[in-house]
Amino acid sequence: MIVEYTRYRIGQDRQAAFEQAYGGAQQYLKASPHCLSYELTHCAEEPERYVLRIEWVSLEEHLQGFRRESTFRSFLSLVQPYISNIEEMQHYQMTAVRGSGGASAKAER
């Protein structure tokens, strides 16, 4: 598995449209056999910042699979107005350091 992080800086005047664009674009991630999961988060401390996190089966499945699907152009057309707002777009490999915190046990009760 590979995790793609894309950090955006979106002005307040464009945030609703940005979230709406990804709301529409998620149908293509949801349908892709190359995508394991995704989430768009909005920063609480700096409201102009967003992070898109996508888990892909592999780097190749993202770059050679998803980006070559017939629906990729439709996905891209929805998010393209925000490409210039990207601060970072990188792929990361998982490490052995991970787990659940103490609060997760409380949430399960």
PDB file of N, CA and C in Angstrom:
ATOM      1  N   MET A   1       0.839  -1.180   0.000  1.00  0.00           N
ATOM      2  CA  MET A   1       0.000   0.000   0.000  1.00  0.00           C
ATOM      3  C   MET A   1       0.884   1.243   0.000  1.00  0.00           C
ATOM      4  N   ILE A   2       0.411   2.276  -0.663  1.00  0.00           N
ATOM      5  CA  ILE A   2       1.087   3.574  -0.695  1.00  0.00           C
ATOM      6  C   ILE A   2       0.058   4.635  -0.332  1.00  0.00           C
ATOM      7  N   VAL A   3       0.487   5.682   0.385  1.00  0.00           N
ATOM      8  CA  VAL A   3      -0.425   6.745   0.788  1.00  0.00           C
ATOM      9  C   VAL A   3      -0.010   8.036   0.100  1.00  0.00           C
ATOM     10  N   GLU A   4      -0.933   8.633  -0.598  1.00  0.00           N
ATOM     11  CA  GLU A   4      -0.705   9.921  -1.247  1.00  0.00           C
ATOM     12  C   GLU A   4      -1.285  11.014  -0.359  1.00  0.00           C
ATOM     13  N   TYR A   5      -0.470  12.020  -0.080  1.00  0.00           N
ATOM     14  CA  TYR A   5      -0.929  13.200   0.656  1.00  0.00           C
ATOM     15  C   TYR A   5      -0.828  14.395  -0.280  1.00  0.00           C
ATOM     16  N   THR A   6      -1.915  15.122  -0.405  1.00  0.00           N
ATOM     17  CA  THR A   6      -1.927  16.350  -1.187  1.00  0.00           C
ATOM     18  C   THR A   6      -2.392  17.464  -0.265  1.00  0.00           C
ATOM     19  N   ARG A   7      -1.502  18.440  -0.063  1.00  0.00           N
ATOM     20  CA  ARG A   7      -1.824  19.587   0.791  1.00  0.00           C
ATOM     21  C   ARG A   7      -2.227  20.769  -0.080  1.00  0.00           C
ATOM     22  N   TYR A   8      -3.362  21.342   0.249  1.00  0.00           N
ATOM     23  CA  TYR A   8      -3.897  22.488  -0.482  1.00  0.00           C
ATOM     24  C   TYR A   8      -3.979  23.701   0.438  1.00  0.00           C
ATOM     25  N   ARG A   9      -3.871  24.880  -0.155  1.00  0.00           N
ATOM     26  CA  ARG A   9      -4.194  26.134   0.524  1.00  0.00           C
ATOM     27  C   ARG A   9      -5.306  26.778  -0.307  1.00  0.00           C
ATOM     28  N   ILE A  10      -6.499  26.839   0.288  1.00  0.00           N
ATOM     29  CA  ILE A  10      -7.687  27.325  -0.402  1.00  0.00           C
ATOM     30  C   ILE A  10      -8.269  28.513   0.359  1.00  0.00           C
ATOM     31  N   GLY A  11      -8.412  29.636  -0.314  1.00  0.00           N
ATOM     32  CA  GLY A  11      -9.006  30.823   0.307  1.00  0.00           C
ATOM     33  C   GLY A  11     -10.448  30.577   0.714  1.00  0.00           C
ATOM     34  N   GLN A  12     -10.876  31.299   1.728  1.00  0.00           N
ATOM     35  CA  GLN A  12     -12.218  31.109   2.277  1.00  0.00           C
ATOM     36  C   GLN A  12     -13.306  31.261   1.215  1.00  0.00           C
ATOM     37  N   ASP A  13     -13.087  32.152   0.266  1.00  0.00           N
ATOM     38  CA  ASP A  13     -14.080  32.397  -0.780  1.00  0.00           C
ATOM     39  C   ASP A  13     -14.245  31.227  -1.750  1.00  0.00           C
ATOM     40  N   ARG A  14     -13.315  30.261  -1.736  1.00  0.00           N
ATOM     41  CA  ARG A  14     -13.378  29.118  -2.661  1.00  0.00           C
ATOM     42  C   ARG A  14     -13.570  27.782  -1.943  1.00  0.00           C
ATOM     43  N   GLN A  15     -13.654  27.801  -0.631  1.00  0.00           N
ATOM     44  CA  GLN A  15     -13.694  26.554   0.126  1.00  0.00           C
ATOM     45  C   GLN A  15     -14.951  25.727  -0.135  1.00  0.00           C
ATOM     46  N   ALA A  16     -16.100  26.346  -0.191  1.00  0.00           N
ATOM     47  CA  ALA A  16     -17.335  25.590  -0.441  1.00  0.00           C
ATOM     48  C   ALA A  16     -17.283  24.926  -1.815  1.00  0.00           C
ATOM     49  N   ALA A  17     -16.813  25.646  -2.815  1.00  0.00           N
ATOM     50  CA  ALA A  17     -16.708  25.090  -4.165  1.00  0.00           C
ATOM     51  C   ALA A  17     -15.664  23.974  -4.209  1.00  0.00           C
ATOM     52  N   PHE A  18     -14.566  24.139  -3.482  1.00  0.00           N
ATOM     53  CA  PHE A  18     -13.523  23.120  -3.410  1.00  0.00           C
ATOM     54  C   PHE A  18     -14.073  21.823  -2.817  1.00  0.00           C
ATOM     55  N   GLU A  19     -14.755  21.929  -1.696  1.00  0.00           N
ATOM     56  CA  GLU A  19     -15.333  20.747  -1.055  1.00  0.00           C
ATOM     57  C   GLU A  19     -16.398  20.114  -1.949  1.00  0.00           C
ATOM     58  N   GLN A  20     -17.151  20.932  -2.636  1.00  0.00           N
ATOM     59  CA  GLN A  20     -18.165  20.421  -3.558  1.00  0.00           C
ATOM     60  C   GLN A  20     -17.499  19.673  -4.730  1.00  0.00           C
ATOM     61  N   ALA A  21     -16.390  20.218  -5.228  1.00  0.00           N
ATOM     62  CA  ALA A  21     -15.665  19.564  -6.327  1.00  0.00           C
ATOM     63  C   ALA A  21     -15.180  18.184  -5.904  1.00  0.00           C
ATOM     64  N   TYR A  22     -14.600  18.084  -4.726  1.00  0.00           N
ATOM     65  CA  TYR A  22     -14.150  16.776  -4.255  1.00  0.00           C
ATOM     66  C   TYR A  22     -15.319  15.876  -3.878  1.00  0.00           C
ATOM     67  N   GLY A  23     -16.410  16.475  -3.454  1.00  0.00           N
ATOM     68  CA  GLY A  23     -17.609  15.686  -3.214  1.00  0.00           C
ATOM     69  C   GLY A  23     -18.061  14.976  -4.480  1.00  0.00           C
ATOM     70  N   GLY A  24     -17.963  15.650  -5.609  1.00  0.00           N
ATOM     71  CA  GLY A  24     -18.288  15.034  -6.891  1.00  0.00           C
ATOM     72  C   GLY A  24     -17.212  14.092  -7.380  1.00  0.00           C
ATOM     73  N   ALA A  25     -15.948  14.456  -7.138  1.00  0.00           N
ATOM     74  CA  ALA A  25     -14.818  13.648  -7.625  1.00  0.00           C
ATOM     75  C   ALA A  25     -14.687  12.322  -6.882  1.00  0.00           C
ATOM     76  N   GLN A  26     -15.229  12.267  -5.677  1.00  0.00           N
ATOM     77  CA  GLN A  26     -15.064  11.041  -4.893  1.00  0.00           C
ATOM     78  C   GLN A  26     -15.713   9.827  -5.548  1.00  0.00           C
ATOM     79  N   GLN A  27     -16.695  10.035  -6.397  1.00  0.00           N
ATOM     80  CA  GLN A  27     -17.324   8.893  -7.077  1.00  0.00           C
ATOM     81  C   GLN A  27     -16.300   8.108  -7.908  1.00  0.00           C
ATOM     82  N   TYR A  28     -15.312   8.813  -8.453  1.00  0.00           N
ATOM     83  CA  TYR A  28     -14.298   8.146  -9.276  1.00  0.00           C
ATOM     84  C   TYR A  28     -13.277   7.401  -8.411  1.00  0.00           C
ATOM     85  N   LEU A  29     -12.973   7.930  -7.234  1.00  0.00           N
ATOM     86  CA  LEU A  29     -12.100   7.221  -6.297  1.00  0.00           C
ATOM     87  C   LEU A  29     -12.824   5.986  -5.762  1.00  0.00           C
ATOM     88  N   LYS A  30     -14.085   6.168  -5.406  1.00  0.00           N
ATOM     89  CA  LYS A  30     -14.894   5.079  -4.861  1.00  0.00           C
ATOM     90  C   LYS A  30     -15.009   3.917  -5.842  1.00  0.00           C
ATOM     91  N   ALA A  31     -15.098   4.221  -7.121  1.00  0.00           N
ATOM     92  CA  ALA A  31     -15.278   3.193  -8.146  1.00  0.00           C
ATOM     93  C   ALA A  31     -13.968   2.567  -8.624  1.00  0.00           C
ATOM     94  N   SER A  32     -12.840   3.189  -8.318  1.00  0.00           N
ATOM     95  CA  SER A  32     -11.566   2.711  -8.838  1.00  0.00           C
ATOM     96  C   SER A  32     -11.067   1.471  -8.095  1.00  0.00           C
ATOM     97  N   PRO A  33     -10.693   0.427  -8.822  1.00  0.00           N
ATOM     98  CA  PRO A  33     -10.126  -0.756  -8.175  1.00  0.00           C
ATOM     99  C   PRO A  33      -8.700  -0.516  -7.657  1.00  0.00           C
ATOM    100  N   HIS A  34      -8.138   0.637  -7.936  1.00  0.00           N
ATOM    101  CA  HIS A  34      -6.780   0.980  -7.508  1.00  0.00           C
ATOM    102  C   HIS A  34      -6.765   1.734  -6.178  1.00  0.00           C
ATOM    103  N   CYS A  35      -7.917   2.275  -5.778  1.00  0.00           N
ATOM    104  CA  CYS A  35      -8.023   3.102  -4.570  1.00  0.00           C
ATOM    105  C   CYS A  35      -8.579   2.276  -3.420  1.00  0.00           C
ATOM    106  N   LEU A  36      -7.867   2.292  -2.290  1.00  0.00           N
ATOM    107  CA  LEU A  36      -8.312   1.571  -1.099  1.00  0.00           C
ATOM    108  C   LEU A  36      -9.218   2.434  -0.223  1.00  0.00           C
ATOM    109  N   SER A  37      -8.855   3.699  -0.029  1.00  0.00           N
ATOM    110  CA  SER A  37      -9.658   4.614   0.777  1.00  0.00           C
ATOM    111  C   SER A  37      -9.176   6.039   0.523  1.00  0.00           C
ATOM    112  N   TYR A  38      -9.973   6.997   0.996  1.00  0.00           N
ATOM    113  CA  TYR A  38      -9.623   8.411   0.814  1.00  0.00           C
ATOM    114  C   TYR A  38     -10.333   9.241   1.871  1.00  0.00           C
ATOM    115  N   GLU A  39      -9.790  10.421   2.139  1.00  0.00           N
ATOM    116  CA  GLU A  39     -10.447  11.378   3.032  1.00  0.00           C
ATOM    117  C   GLU A  39      -9.893  12.766   2.750  1.00  0.00           C
ATOM    118  N   LEU A  40     -10.754  13.747   2.850  1.00  0.00           N
ATOM    119  CA  LEU A  40     -10.365  15.147   2.731  1.00  0.00           C
ATOM    120  C   LEU A  40     -10.559  15.770   4.096  1.00  0.00           C
ATOM    121  N   THR A  41      -9.486  16.345   4.639  1.00  0.00           N
ATOM    122  CA  THR A  41      -9.567  16.971   5.961  1.00  0.00           C
ATOM    123  C   THR A  41      -9.316  18.467   5.840  1.00  0.00           C
ATOM    124  N   HIS A  42      -9.890  19.207   6.788  1.00  0.00           N
ATOM    125  CA  HIS A  42      -9.828  20.669   6.819  1.00  0.00           C
ATOM    126  C   HIS A  42      -9.151  21.065   8.122  1.00  0.00           C
ATOM    127  N   CYS A  43      -8.127  21.885   8.068  1.00  0.00           N
ATOM    128  CA  CYS A  43      -7.337  22.254   9.237  1.00  0.00           C
ATOM    129  C   CYS A  43      -8.135  23.145  10.191  1.00  0.00           C
ATOM    130  N   ALA A  44      -8.124  22.795  11.462  1.00  0.00           N
ATOM    131  CA  ALA A  44      -8.824  23.576  12.483  1.00  0.00           C
ATOM    132  C   ALA A  44      -8.055  24.841  12.858  1.00  0.00           C
ATOM    133  N   GLU A  45      -6.721  24.764  12.882  1.00  0.00           N
ATOM    134  CA  GLU A  45      -5.916  25.923  13.283  1.00  0.00           C
ATOM    135  C   GLU A  45      -5.702  26.926  12.147  1.00  0.00           C
ATOM    136  N   GLU A  46      -5.560  26.424  10.933  1.00  0.00           N
ATOM    137  CA  GLU A  46      -5.350  27.279   9.762  1.00  0.00           C
ATOM    138  C   GLU A  46      -6.409  26.917   8.726  1.00  0.00           C
ATOM    139  N   PRO A  47      -7.558  27.569   8.787  1.00  0.00           N
ATOM    140  CA  PRO A  47      -8.721  27.164   7.979  1.00  0.00           C
ATOM    141  C   PRO A  47      -8.518  27.180   6.466  1.00  0.00           C
ATOM    142  N   GLU A  48      -7.472  27.801   5.966  1.00  0.00           N
ATOM    143  CA  GLU A  48      -7.251  27.796   4.518  1.00  0.00           C
ATOM    144  C   GLU A  48      -6.533  26.525   4.056  1.00  0.00           C
ATOM    145  N   ARG A  49      -6.156  25.657   4.981  1.00  0.00           N
ATOM    146  CA  ARG A  49      -5.418  24.443   4.635  1.00  0.00           C
ATOM    147  C   ARG A  49      -6.327  23.206   4.629  1.00  0.00           C
ATOM    148  N   TYR A  50      -6.085  22.369   3.622  1.00  0.00           N
ATOM    149  CA  TYR A  50      -6.761  21.083   3.484  1.00  0.00           C
ATOM    150  C   TYR A  50      -5.705  20.022   3.189  1.00  0.00           C
ATOM    151  N   VAL A  51      -5.982  18.798   3.597  1.00  0.00           N
ATOM    152  CA  VAL A  51      -5.136  17.665   3.232  1.00  0.00           C
ATOM    153  C   VAL A  51      -6.034  16.572   2.676  1.00  0.00           C
ATOM    154  N   LEU A  52      -5.696  16.115   1.473  1.00  0.00           N
ATOM    155  CA  LEU A  52      -6.356  14.973   0.857  1.00  0.00           C
ATOM    156  C   LEU A  52      -5.446  13.771   1.062  1.00  0.00           C
ATOM    157  N   ARG A  53      -5.979  12.711   1.656  1.00  0.00           N
ATOM    158  CA  ARG A  53      -5.218  11.485   1.913  1.00  0.00           C
ATOM    159  C   ARG A  53      -5.886  10.370   1.121  1.00  0.00           C
ATOM    160  N   ILE A  54      -5.103   9.735   0.253  1.00  0.00           N
ATOM    161  CA  ILE A  54      -5.625   8.627  -0.546  1.00  0.00           C
ATOM    162  C   ILE A  54      -4.707   7.421  -0.372  1.00  0.00           C
ATOM    163  N   GLU A  55      -5.286   6.286  -0.031  1.00  0.00           N
ATOM    164  CA  GLU A  55      -4.539   5.035   0.042  1.00  0.00           C
ATOM    165  C   GLU A  55      -4.730   4.312  -1.284  1.00  0.00           C
ATOM    166  N   TRP A  56      -3.602   4.017  -1.932  1.00  0.00           N
ATOM    167  CA  TRP A  56      -3.593   3.297  -3.202  1.00  0.00           C
ATOM    168  C   TRP A  56      -3.038   1.902  -2.984  1.00  0.00           C
ATOM    169  N   VAL A  57      -3.421   0.961  -3.807  1.00  0.00           N
ATOM    170  CA  VAL A  57      -2.886  -0.396  -3.729  1.00  0.00           C
ATOM    171  C   VAL A  57      -1.357  -0.345  -3.844  1.00  0.00           C
ATOM    172  N   SER A  58      -0.848   0.462  -4.776  1.00  0.00           N
ATOM    173  CA  SER A  58       0.593   0.653  -4.953  1.00  0.00           C
ATOM    174  C   SER A  58       0.801   1.962  -5.715  1.00  0.00           C
ATOM    175  N   LEU A  59       2.026   2.401  -5.772  1.00  0.00           N
ATOM    176  CA  LEU A  59       2.351   3.605  -6.540  1.00  0.00           C
ATOM    177  C   LEU A  59       2.013   3.388  -8.013  1.00  0.00           C
ATOM    178  N   GLU A  60       2.350   2.211  -8.520  1.00  0.00           N
ATOM    179  CA  GLU A  60       2.070   1.899  -9.921  1.00  0.00           C
ATOM    180  C   GLU A  60       0.573   1.881 -10.206  1.00  0.00           C
ATOM    181  N   GLU A  61      -0.206   1.348  -9.267  1.00  0.00           N
ATOM    182  CA  GLU A  61      -1.660   1.307  -9.471  1.00  0.00           C
ATOM    183  C   GLU A  61      -2.244   2.714  -9.527  1.00  0.00           C
ATOM    184  N   HIS A  62      -1.647   3.638  -8.789  1.00  0.00           N
ATOM    185  CA  HIS A  62      -2.107   5.025  -8.876  1.00  0.00           C
ATOM    186  C   HIS A  62      -1.704   5.642 -10.206  1.00  0.00           C
ATOM    187  N   LEU A  63      -0.403   5.611 -10.491  1.00  0.00           N
ATOM    188  CA  LEU A  63       0.113   6.322 -11.655  1.00  0.00           C
ATOM    189  C   LEU A  63      -0.197   5.635 -12.987  1.00  0.00           C
ATOM    190  N   GLN A  64      -0.140   4.322 -13.003  1.00  0.00           N
ATOM    191  CA  GLN A  64      -0.364   3.591 -14.254  1.00  0.00           C
ATOM    192  C   GLN A  64      -1.779   3.021 -14.351  1.00  0.00           C
ATOM    193  N   GLY A  65      -2.470   2.918 -13.219  1.00  0.00           N
ATOM    194  CA  GLY A  65      -3.819   2.372 -13.208  1.00  0.00           C
ATOM    195  C   GLY A  65      -4.874   3.467 -13.211  1.00  0.00           C
ATOM    196  N   PHE A  66      -5.026   4.131 -12.075  1.00  0.00           N
ATOM    197  CA  PHE A  66      -6.067   5.160 -11.938  1.00  0.00           C
ATOM    198  C   PHE A  66      -5.932   6.260 -12.981  1.00  0.00           C
ATOM    199  N   ARG A  67      -4.731   6.729 -13.182  1.00  0.00           N
ATOM    200  CA  ARG A  67      -4.538   7.841 -14.124  1.00  0.00           C
ATOM    201  C   ARG A  67      -4.757   7.435 -15.581  1.00  0.00           C
ATOM    202  N   ARG A  68      -4.881   6.153 -15.839  1.00  0.00           N
ATOM    203  CA  ARG A  68      -5.156   5.685 -17.205  1.00  0.00           C
ATOM    204  C   ARG A  68      -6.589   5.173 -17.369  1.00  0.00           C
ATOM    205  N   GLU A  69      -7.372   5.230 -16.292  1.00  0.00           N
ATOM    206  CA  GLU A  69      -8.774   4.810 -16.394  1.00  0.00           C
ATOM    207  C   GLU A  69      -9.536   5.795 -17.271  1.00  0.00           C
ATOM    208  N   SER A  70     -10.567   5.312 -17.907  1.00  0.00           N
ATOM    209  CA  SER A  70     -11.375   6.176 -18.784  1.00  0.00           C
ATOM    210  C   SER A  70     -12.057   7.299 -18.008  1.00  0.00           C
ATOM    211  N   THR A  71     -12.257   7.122 -16.721  1.00  0.00           N
ATOM    212  CA  THR A  71     -12.935   8.140 -15.909  1.00  0.00           C
ATOM    213  C   THR A  71     -11.985   9.182 -15.313  1.00  0.00           C
ATOM    214  N   PHE A  72     -10.687   8.987 -15.500  1.00  0.00           N
ATOM    215  CA  PHE A  72      -9.731   9.924 -14.889  1.00  0.00           C
ATOM    216  C   PHE A  72      -9.933  11.356 -15.383  1.00  0.00           C
ATOM    217  N   ARG A  73     -10.236  11.538 -16.656  1.00  0.00           N
ATOM    218  CA  ARG A  73     -10.442  12.891 -17.185  1.00  0.00           C
ATOM    219  C   ARG A  73     -11.615  13.587 -16.489  1.00  0.00           C
ATOM    220  N   SER A  74     -12.653  12.833 -16.184  1.00  0.00           N
ATOM    221  CA  SER A  74     -13.803  13.400 -15.473  1.00  0.00           C
ATOM    222  C   SER A  74     -13.412  13.805 -14.055  1.00  0.00           C
ATOM    223  N   PHE A  75     -12.631  12.944 -13.385  1.00  0.00           N
ATOM    224  CA  PHE A  75     -12.118  13.252 -12.053  1.00  0.00           C
ATOM    225  C   PHE A  75     -11.284  14.537 -12.108  1.00  0.00           C
ATOM    226  N   LEU A  76     -10.357  14.572 -13.048  1.00  0.00           N
ATOM    227  CA  LEU A  76      -9.449  15.705 -13.170  1.00  0.00           C
ATOM    228  C   LEU A  76     -10.189  17.001 -13.494  1.00  0.00           C
ATOM    229  N   SER A  77     -11.201  16.936 -14.315  1.00  0.00           N
ATOM    230  CA  SER A  77     -11.927  18.155 -14.672  1.00  0.00           C
ATOM    231  C   SER A  77     -12.593  18.794 -13.457  1.00  0.00           C
ATOM    232  N   LEU A  78     -12.968  17.989 -12.475  1.00  0.00           N
ATOM    233  CA  LEU A  78     -13.592  18.533 -11.267  1.00  0.00           C
ATOM    234  C   LEU A  78     -12.579  19.211 -10.347  1.00  0.00           C
ATOM    235  N   VAL A  79     -11.388  18.651 -10.232  1.00  0.00           N
ATOM    236  CA  VAL A  79     -10.400  19.173  -9.281  1.00  0.00           C
ATOM    237  C   VAL A  79      -9.366  20.091  -9.920  1.00  0.00           C
ATOM    238  N   GLN A  80      -9.329  20.146 -11.231  1.00  0.00           N
ATOM    239  CA  GLN A  80      -8.320  20.944 -11.940  1.00  0.00           C
ATOM    240  C   GLN A  80      -8.292  22.422 -11.532  1.00  0.00           C
ATOM    241  N   PRO A  81      -9.427  23.060 -11.247  1.00  0.00           N
ATOM    242  CA  PRO A  81      -9.365  24.470 -10.844  1.00  0.00           C
ATOM    243  C   PRO A  81      -8.549  24.717  -9.570  1.00  0.00           C
ATOM    244  N   TYR A  82      -8.209  23.659  -8.842  1.00  0.00           N
ATOM    245  CA  TYR A  82      -7.501  23.801  -7.563  1.00  0.00           C
ATOM    246  C   TYR A  82      -6.063  23.290  -7.618  1.00  0.00           C
ATOM    247  N   ILE A  83      -5.613  22.844  -8.759  1.00  0.00           N
ATOM    248  CA  ILE A  83      -4.252  22.310  -8.876  1.00  0.00           C
ATOM    249  C   ILE A  83      -3.206  23.371  -8.529  1.00  0.00           C
ATOM    250  N   SER A  84      -3.448  24.608  -8.895  1.00  0.00           N
ATOM    251  CA  SER A  84      -2.483  25.676  -8.581  1.00  0.00           C
ATOM    252  C   SER A  84      -2.422  25.967  -7.082  1.00  0.00           C
ATOM    253  N   ASN A  85      -3.368  25.442  -6.305  1.00  0.00           N
ATOM    254  CA  ASN A  85      -3.389  25.639  -4.858  1.00  0.00           C
ATOM    255  C   ASN A  85      -2.679  24.528  -4.096  1.00  0.00           C
ATOM    256  N   ILE A  86      -2.096  23.572  -4.829  1.00  0.00           N
ATOM    257  CA  ILE A  86      -1.393  22.465  -4.181  1.00  0.00           C
ATOM    258  C   ILE A  86      -0.047  22.961  -3.656  1.00  0.00           C
ATOM    259  N   GLU A  87       0.202  22.665  -2.380  1.00  0.00           N
ATOM    260  CA  GLU A  87       1.494  22.988  -1.756  1.00  0.00           C
ATOM    261  C   GLU A  87       2.421  21.775  -1.757  1.00  0.00           C
ATOM    262  N   GLU A  88       1.849  20.594  -1.693  1.00  0.00           N
ATOM    263  CA  GLU A  88       2.645  19.363  -1.718  1.00  0.00           C
ATOM    264  C   GLU A  88       1.752  18.229  -2.223  1.00  0.00           C
ATOM    265  N   MET A  89       2.328  17.379  -3.044  1.00  0.00           N
ATOM    266  CA  MET A  89       1.659  16.147  -3.472  1.00  0.00           C
ATOM    267  C   MET A  89       2.745  15.081  -3.529  1.00  0.00           C
ATOM    268  N   GLN A  90       2.703  14.163  -2.564  1.00  0.00           N
ATOM    269  CA  GLN A  90       3.742  13.145  -2.454  1.00  0.00           C
ATOM    270  C   GLN A  90       3.125  11.804  -2.087  1.00  0.00           C
ATOM    271  N   HIS A  91       3.865  10.744  -2.388  1.00  0.00           N
ATOM    272  CA  HIS A  91       3.482   9.384  -2.031  1.00  0.00           C
ATOM    273  C   HIS A  91       4.386   8.914  -0.893  1.00  0.00           C
ATOM    274  N   TYR A  92       3.775   8.273   0.104  1.00  0.00           N
ATOM    275  CA  TYR A  92       4.506   7.824   1.284  1.00  0.00           C
ATOM    276  C   TYR A  92       4.283   6.337   1.500  1.00  0.00           C
ATOM    277  N   GLN A  93       5.336   5.663   1.953  1.00  0.00           N
ATOM    278  CA  GLN A  93       5.239   4.254   2.303  1.00  0.00           C
ATOM    279  C   GLN A  93       4.941   4.140   3.788  1.00  0.00           C
ATOM    280  N   MET A  94       4.150   3.147   4.154  1.00  0.00           N
ATOM    281  CA  MET A  94       3.826   2.915   5.554  1.00  0.00           C
ATOM    282  C   MET A  94       5.065   2.382   6.276  1.00  0.00           C
ATOM    283  N   THR A  95       5.147   2.652   7.555  1.00  0.00           N
ATOM    284  CA  THR A  95       6.203   2.093   8.401  1.00  0.00           C
ATOM    285  C   THR A  95       5.551   1.176   9.437  1.00  0.00           C
ATOM    286  N   ALA A  96       6.369   0.557  10.255  1.00  0.00           N
ATOM    287  CA  ALA A  96       5.854  -0.328  11.297  1.00  0.00           C
ATOM    288  C   ALA A  96       5.291   0.452  12.482  1.00  0.00           C
ATOM    289  N   VAL A  97       5.524   1.755  12.530  1.00  0.00           N
ATOM    290  CA  VAL A  97       5.055   2.572  13.641  1.00  0.00           C
ATOM    291  C   VAL A  97       3.610   2.982  13.382  1.00  0.00           C
ATOM    292  N   ARG A  98       2.691   2.317  14.038  1.00  0.00           N
ATOM    293  CA  ARG A  98       1.268   2.631  13.951  1.00  0.00           C
ATOM    294  C   ARG A  98       0.527   1.822  15.007  1.00  0.00           C
ATOM    295  N   GLY A  99      -0.667   2.232  15.297  1.00  0.00           N
ATOM    296  CA  GLY A  99      -1.476   1.535  16.293  1.00  0.00           C
ATOM    297  C   GLY A  99      -2.669   2.380  16.685  1.00  0.00           C
ATOM    298  N   SER A 100      -3.354   1.954  17.699  1.00  0.00           N
ATOM    299  CA  SER A 100      -4.520   2.671  18.209  1.00  0.00           C
ATOM    300  C   SER A 100      -4.154   3.346  19.514  1.00  0.00           C
ATOM    301  N   GLY A 101      -4.709   4.504  19.740  1.00  0.00           N
ATOM    302  CA  GLY A 101      -4.495   5.235  20.973  1.00  0.00           C
ATOM    303  C   GLY A 101      -5.459   4.780  22.060  1.00  0.00           C
ATOM    304  N   GLY A 102      -5.217   5.229  23.278  1.00  0.00           N
ATOM    305  CA  GLY A 102      -6.034   4.840  24.414  1.00  0.00           C
ATOM    306  C   GLY A 102      -7.502   5.217  24.285  1.00  0.00           C
ATOM    307  N   ALA A 103      -7.792   6.290  23.588  1.00  0.00           N
ATOM    308  CA  ALA A 103      -9.186   6.721  23.450  1.00  0.00           C
ATOM    309  C   ALA A 103      -9.989   5.788  22.560  1.00  0.00           C
ATOM    310  N   SER A 104      -9.330   4.989  21.730  1.00  0.00           N
ATOM    311  CA  SER A 104     -10.071   4.111  20.820  1.00  0.00           C
ATOM    312  C   SER A 104     -10.830   3.038  21.594  1.00  0.00           C
ATOM    313  N   ALA A 105     -10.308   2.582  22.721  1.00  0.00           N
ATOM    314  CA  ALA A 105     -11.001   1.587  23.532  1.00  0.00           C
ATOM    315  C   ALA A 105     -12.279   2.166  24.124  1.00  0.00           C
ATOM    316  N   LYS A 106     -12.245   3.433  24.513  1.00  0.00           N
ATOM    317  CA  LYS A 106     -13.435   4.096  25.055  1.00  0.00           C
ATOM    318  C   LYS A 106     -14.497   4.235  23.985  1.00  0.00           C
ATOM    319  N   ALA A 107     -14.075   4.533  22.764  1.00  0.00           N
ATOM    320  CA  ALA A 107     -15.020   4.733  21.668  1.00  0.00           C
ATOM    321  C   ALA A 107     -15.735   3.446  21.295  1.00  0.00           C
ATOM    322  N   GLU A 108     -15.109   2.298  21.527  1.00  0.00           N
ATOM    323  CA  GLU A 108     -15.700   1.017  21.176  1.00  0.00           C
ATOM    324  C   GLU A 108     -16.784   0.574  22.154  1.00  0.00           C
ATOM    325  N   ARG A 109     -16.796   1.156  23.358  1.00  0.00           N
ATOM    326  CA  ARG A 109     -17.775   0.748  24.377  1.00  0.00           C
ATOM    327  C   ARG A 109     -19.136   1.233  24.089  1.00  0.00           C
TER     328      ARG A 109
END
